[in-house]
Amino acid sequence: MKNSGYIDREMDGQWRVVATDDDWWTRFTYVRNGVGDEAVVEWQVPRGTEPGTYRIRYQGVSGDGPYSGTSDAFVLKDCP
């Protein structure tokens, strides 16, 4: 499994992937910091992105095994 970050949008009651860390505006970083590991997903919202409810999600595998996480949902308003 590849370490990956995703941007999901809620559409018709279901979460659908609208961006991944392969996209120009999204970046996934996995950091081993000695205290605990951190997964960081950054999304620079592109101009013209549809308003709606979104969340950020990640998954991957480290030396300690699989990991995953999901942000709380957030509302994106007009993005001219």
Protein backbone atom coordinates (compact mmCIF):
# COMPACT_ATOMS: atom_id res chain seq x y z
CA MET A 1 0.00 0.00 0.00
CA LYS A 2 1.30 3.42 -0.96
CA ASN A 3 1.25 6.17 1.66
CA SER A 4 -1.47 8.46 0.34
CA GLY A 5 -3.47 11.56 1.14
CA TYR A 6 -6.97 12.22 -0.17
CA ILE A 7 -9.42 15.09 -0.34
CA ASP A 8 -13.01 13.84 -0.20
CA ARG A 9 -16.19 15.77 -0.95
CA GLU A 10 -19.61 14.74 0.29
CA MET A 11 -21.96 14.32 -2.67
CA ASP A 12 -25.42 12.79 -2.51
CA GLY A 13 -24.73 11.45 1.00
CA GLN A 14 -21.48 9.70 0.03
CA TRP A 15 -17.81 10.68 0.28
CA ARG A 16 -16.05 10.85 -3.09
CA VAL A 17 -12.36 11.44 -3.75
CA VAL A 18 -11.86 14.76 -5.56
CA ALA A 19 -8.08 15.08 -5.14
CA THR A 20 -5.09 12.96 -4.10
CA ASP A 21 -1.50 13.69 -3.19
CA ASP A 22 -0.69 13.06 -6.87
CA ASP A 23 -2.45 16.36 -7.65
CA TRP A 24 -0.50 19.62 -7.89
CA TRP A 25 -2.47 21.27 -5.03
CA THR A 26 -2.23 18.42 -2.51
CA ARG A 27 0.80 17.17 -0.60
CA PHE A 28 1.26 14.23 1.78
CA THR A 29 4.22 14.02 4.16
CA TYR A 30 5.00 11.29 6.69
CA VAL A 31 7.35 12.44 9.44
CA ARG A 32 9.16 10.32 12.02
CA ASN A 33 9.89 12.75 14.84
CA GLY A 34 11.18 10.49 17.65
CA VAL A 35 8.14 11.02 19.88
CA GLY A 36 5.53 9.67 17.49
CA ASP A 37 5.01 9.59 13.78
CA GLU A 38 2.96 12.24 12.00
CA ALA A 39 1.05 12.18 8.75
CA VAL A 40 0.52 15.65 7.29
CA VAL A 41 -1.83 16.31 4.38
CA GLU A 42 -1.85 19.82 2.92
CA TRP A 43 -4.40 21.04 0.40
CA GLN A 44 -4.03 24.38 -1.30
CA VAL A 45 -7.58 24.87 -2.53
CA PRO A 46 -7.55 25.57 -6.28
CA ARG A 47 -9.44 28.56 -7.65
CA GLY A 48 -12.93 27.56 -8.76
CA THR A 49 -13.27 24.59 -6.38
CA GLU A 50 -16.95 23.87 -5.81
CA PRO A 51 -18.38 24.93 -2.43
CA GLY A 52 -19.43 21.99 -0.29
CA THR A 53 -18.54 19.71 2.59
CA TYR A 54 -15.05 18.21 2.48
CA ARG A 55 -12.69 16.13 4.61
CA ILE A 56 -9.01 15.19 4.46
CA ARG A 57 -8.02 11.53 4.71
CA TYR A 58 -4.76 9.57 4.68
CA GLN A 59 -3.59 5.97 4.81
CA GLY A 60 -0.36 4.09 4.52
CA VAL A 61 2.04 1.61 6.05
CA SER A 62 5.03 2.32 8.29
CA GLY A 63 7.49 0.01 10.00
CA ASP A 64 4.89 -0.31 12.78
CA GLY A 65 2.14 -1.43 10.41
CA PRO A 66 -0.80 0.21 8.66
CA TYR A 67 -2.15 3.60 9.71
CA SER A 68 -4.99 5.87 8.64
CA GLY A 69 -6.88 8.94 9.73
CA THR A 70 -9.66 11.28 8.70
CA SER A 71 -10.24 14.92 9.58
CA ASP A 72 -13.53 16.29 10.75
CA ALA A 73 -15.74 17.44 7.88
CA PHE A 74 -15.47 21.12 7.01
CA VAL A 75 -17.47 23.45 4.78
CA LEU A 76 -15.73 25.19 1.92
CA LYS A 77 -17.50 28.35 0.83
CA ASP A 78 -17.12 30.16 -2.48
CA CYS A 79 -13.59 29.94 -3.89
CA PRO A 80 -13.44 32.52 -6.70
